[in-house]
Amino acid sequence: MNHYAGASVSKETVMPQELTKPKTPKLVAKTRSRPVHVESVMEKEEKEAEEVESYQFKAKPFNRNIIVMGGLLGVPKVEMRSLTRAMSPALAADTKPKKTEEDHSML
């Protein structure tokens, strides 16, 4: 059987194929060290209880300017812009001289 299109191979040059030899992967899990002592549920709960007891809540002092400013402390004031006036576009038809009745009568 020819694997390459258009290539001519004679039967004499074809080598017999051999089976591949499997190799085991070199994993690191065998040599990895694990902790011998595993914490029980009671030990974990005791540890959490100690952390909760040692935690001290510290509130920052309240800034009175928040109430005075109406909640806008730190928000910059934006000046009001003037309102946009509606204007008709400057078209070429507006600049042409209008034809009068005299112009029509001359034609």
C-alpha atoms as a PDB file:
ATOM      1  CA  MET A   1       0.000   0.000   0.000  1.00  0.00           C
ATOM      2  CA  ASN A   2       1.392   3.378  -1.041  1.00  0.00           C
ATOM      3  CA  HIS A   3       1.034   6.216   1.486  1.00  0.00           C
ATOM      4  CA  TYR A   4       2.213   8.957  -0.852  1.00  0.00           C
ATOM      5  CA  ALA A   5       0.205   9.818  -3.938  1.00  0.00           C
ATOM      6  CA  GLY A   6       2.191   9.506  -7.152  1.00  0.00           C
ATOM      7  CA  ALA A   7       5.215   7.859  -5.541  1.00  0.00           C
ATOM      8  CA  SER A   8       6.204   4.527  -6.978  1.00  0.00           C
ATOM      9  CA  VAL A   9       7.776   2.086  -4.542  1.00  0.00           C
ATOM     10  CA  SER A  10       8.864  -1.377  -5.526  1.00  0.00           C
ATOM     11  CA  LYS A  11       8.023  -4.316  -3.301  1.00  0.00           C
ATOM     12  CA  GLU A  12      11.710  -5.015  -2.678  1.00  0.00           C
ATOM     13  CA  THR A  13      12.375  -1.688  -0.907  1.00  0.00           C
ATOM     14  CA  VAL A  14       9.451  -1.975   1.549  1.00  0.00           C
ATOM     15  CA  MET A  15      10.694  -2.750   5.058  1.00  0.00           C
ATOM     16  CA  PRO A  16       8.568  -4.889   7.377  1.00  0.00           C
ATOM     17  CA  GLN A  17       7.027  -2.804  10.150  1.00  0.00           C
ATOM     18  CA  GLU A  18       7.695  -3.647  13.792  1.00  0.00           C
ATOM     19  CA  LEU A  19       5.408  -3.145  16.753  1.00  0.00           C
ATOM     20  CA  THR A  20       6.124  -0.153  18.950  1.00  0.00           C
ATOM     21  CA  LYS A  21       7.452  -0.905  22.385  1.00  0.00           C
ATOM     22  CA  PRO A  22       5.474   0.751  25.178  1.00  0.00           C
ATOM     23  CA  LYS A  23       7.306   2.895  27.737  1.00  0.00           C
ATOM     24  CA  THR A  24       5.939   3.826  31.117  1.00  0.00           C
ATOM     25  CA  PRO A  25       5.675   7.563  31.833  1.00  0.00           C
ATOM     26  CA  LYS A  26       7.973   8.899  34.519  1.00  0.00           C
ATOM     27  CA  LEU A  27       5.421  10.390  36.894  1.00  0.00           C
ATOM     28  CA  VAL A  28       6.444  12.398  39.936  1.00  0.00           C
ATOM     29  CA  ALA A  29       3.534  11.241  42.106  1.00  0.00           C
ATOM     30  CA  LYS A  30       5.492   8.271  43.436  1.00  0.00           C
ATOM     31  CA  THR A  31       8.241  10.440  44.873  1.00  0.00           C
ATOM     32  CA  ARG A  32       5.987  13.292  46.074  1.00  0.00           C
ATOM     33  CA  SER A  33       5.824  13.647  49.848  1.00  0.00           C
ATOM     34  CA  ARG A  34       2.478  14.252  51.500  1.00  0.00           C
ATOM     35  CA  PRO A  35       1.714  15.441  55.006  1.00  0.00           C
ATOM     36  CA  VAL A  36       1.223  12.565  57.384  1.00  0.00           C
ATOM     37  CA  HIS A  37      -1.152  14.420  59.737  1.00  0.00           C
ATOM     38  CA  VAL A  38      -4.584  15.306  58.353  1.00  0.00           C
ATOM     39  CA  GLU A  39      -6.687  17.787  60.338  1.00  0.00           C
ATOM     40  CA  SER A  40      -9.978  16.443  61.576  1.00  0.00           C
ATOM     41  CA  VAL A  41     -13.250  18.353  61.331  1.00  0.00           C
ATOM     42  CA  MET A  42     -13.076  19.313  65.016  1.00  0.00           C
ATOM     43  CA  GLU A  43      -9.534  20.694  64.614  1.00  0.00           C
ATOM     44  CA  LYS A  44     -10.609  22.739  61.579  1.00  0.00           C
ATOM     45  CA  GLU A  45     -13.602  24.160  63.467  1.00  0.00           C
ATOM     46  CA  GLU A  46     -11.434  25.087  66.455  1.00  0.00           C
ATOM     47  CA  LYS A  47      -8.968  26.828  64.148  1.00  0.00           C
ATOM     48  CA  GLU A  48     -11.799  28.803  62.499  1.00  0.00           C
ATOM     49  CA  ALA A  49     -13.231  29.756  65.904  1.00  0.00           C
ATOM     50  CA  GLU A  50      -9.832  31.122  66.988  1.00  0.00           C
ATOM     51  CA  GLU A  51      -9.583  33.196  63.800  1.00  0.00           C
ATOM     52  CA  VAL A  52     -13.083  34.636  64.322  1.00  0.00           C
ATOM     53  CA  GLU A  53     -12.309  35.550  67.940  1.00  0.00           C
ATOM     54  CA  SER A  54      -8.999  37.195  67.030  1.00  0.00           C
ATOM     55  CA  TYR A  55     -10.597  39.311  64.267  1.00  0.00           C
ATOM     56  CA  GLN A  56     -11.383  42.844  65.412  1.00  0.00           C
ATOM     57  CA  PHE A  57     -13.769  44.966  63.357  1.00  0.00           C
ATOM     58  CA  LYS A  58     -12.489  48.523  62.974  1.00  0.00           C
ATOM     59  CA  ALA A  59     -14.929  51.036  61.555  1.00  0.00           C
ATOM     60  CA  LYS A  60     -13.697  54.274  60.032  1.00  0.00           C
ATOM     61  CA  PRO A  61     -15.155  57.528  61.380  1.00  0.00           C
ATOM     62  CA  PHE A  62     -18.216  58.791  59.499  1.00  0.00           C
ATOM     63  CA  ASN A  63     -17.604  61.789  57.223  1.00  0.00           C
ATOM     64  CA  ARG A  64     -20.303  64.396  57.920  1.00  0.00           C
ATOM     65  CA  ASN A  65     -19.652  66.113  54.581  1.00  0.00           C
ATOM     66  CA  ILE A  66     -21.516  63.273  52.888  1.00  0.00           C
ATOM     67  CA  ILE A  67     -24.770  64.454  54.465  1.00  0.00           C
ATOM     68  CA  VAL A  68     -23.974  68.153  53.954  1.00  0.00           C
ATOM     69  CA  MET A  69     -23.212  67.663  50.249  1.00  0.00           C
ATOM     70  CA  GLY A  70     -26.352  65.591  49.702  1.00  0.00           C
ATOM     71  CA  GLY A  71     -24.420  62.483  48.692  1.00  0.00           C
ATOM     72  CA  LEU A  72     -22.396  64.325  46.036  1.00  0.00           C
ATOM     73  CA  LEU A  73     -19.102  64.340  47.904  1.00  0.00           C
ATOM     74  CA  GLY A  74     -16.283  63.718  45.424  1.00  0.00           C
ATOM     75  CA  VAL A  75     -18.522  64.193  42.385  1.00  0.00           C
ATOM     76  CA  PRO A  76     -17.398  67.172  40.283  1.00  0.00           C
ATOM     77  CA  LYS A  77     -19.985  69.785  39.344  1.00  0.00           C
ATOM     78  CA  VAL A  78     -20.677  70.068  35.635  1.00  0.00           C
ATOM     79  CA  GLU A  79     -21.626  73.480  34.276  1.00  0.00           C
ATOM     80  CA  MET A  80     -24.859  73.656  32.331  1.00  0.00           C
ATOM     81  CA  ARG A  81     -24.328  74.361  28.660  1.00  0.00           C
ATOM     82  CA  SER A  82     -26.542  76.736  26.758  1.00  0.00           C
ATOM     83  CA  LEU A  83     -29.475  75.162  24.981  1.00  0.00           C
ATOM     84  CA  THR A  84     -29.143  74.369  21.297  1.00  0.00           C
ATOM     85  CA  ARG A  85     -31.060  76.749  19.062  1.00  0.00           C
ATOM     86  CA  ALA A  86     -32.861  75.320  16.067  1.00  0.00           C
ATOM     87  CA  MET A  87     -31.679  76.976  12.851  1.00  0.00           C
ATOM     88  CA  SER A  88     -32.544  76.154   9.291  1.00  0.00           C
ATOM     89  CA  PRO A  89     -29.628  74.961   7.156  1.00  0.00           C
ATOM     90  CA  ALA A  90     -28.051  77.412   4.740  1.00  0.00           C
ATOM     91  CA  LEU A  91     -29.185  75.963   1.401  1.00  0.00           C
ATOM     92  CA  ALA A  92     -28.297  77.322  -2.021  1.00  0.00           C
ATOM     93  CA  ALA A  93     -32.002  77.791  -2.813  1.00  0.00           C
ATOM     94  CA  ASP A  94     -32.237  80.403  -0.058  1.00  0.00           C
ATOM     95  CA  THR A  95     -29.491  82.571  -1.585  1.00  0.00           C
ATOM     96  CA  LYS A  96     -30.872  82.573  -5.186  1.00  0.00           C
ATOM     97  CA  PRO A  97     -32.863  85.632  -6.177  1.00  0.00           C
ATOM     98  CA  LYS A  98     -36.544  84.894  -6.374  1.00  0.00           C
ATOM     99  CA  LYS A  99     -38.222  85.224  -9.729  1.00  0.00           C
ATOM    100  CA  THR A 100     -40.991  87.754  -9.848  1.00  0.00           C
ATOM    101  CA  GLU A 101     -43.984  88.080 -12.141  1.00  0.00           C
ATOM    102  CA  GLU A 102     -42.076  90.568 -14.324  1.00  0.00           C
ATOM    103  CA  ASP A 103     -39.455  87.921 -15.101  1.00  0.00           C
ATOM    104  CA  HIS A 104     -42.172  85.469 -16.183  1.00  0.00           C
ATOM    105  CA  SER A 105     -43.840  87.980 -18.455  1.00  0.00           C
ATOM    106  CA  MET A 106     -40.601  88.624 -20.357  1.00  0.00           C
ATOM    107  CA  LEU A 107     -40.353  85.041 -21.393  1.00  0.00           C
END
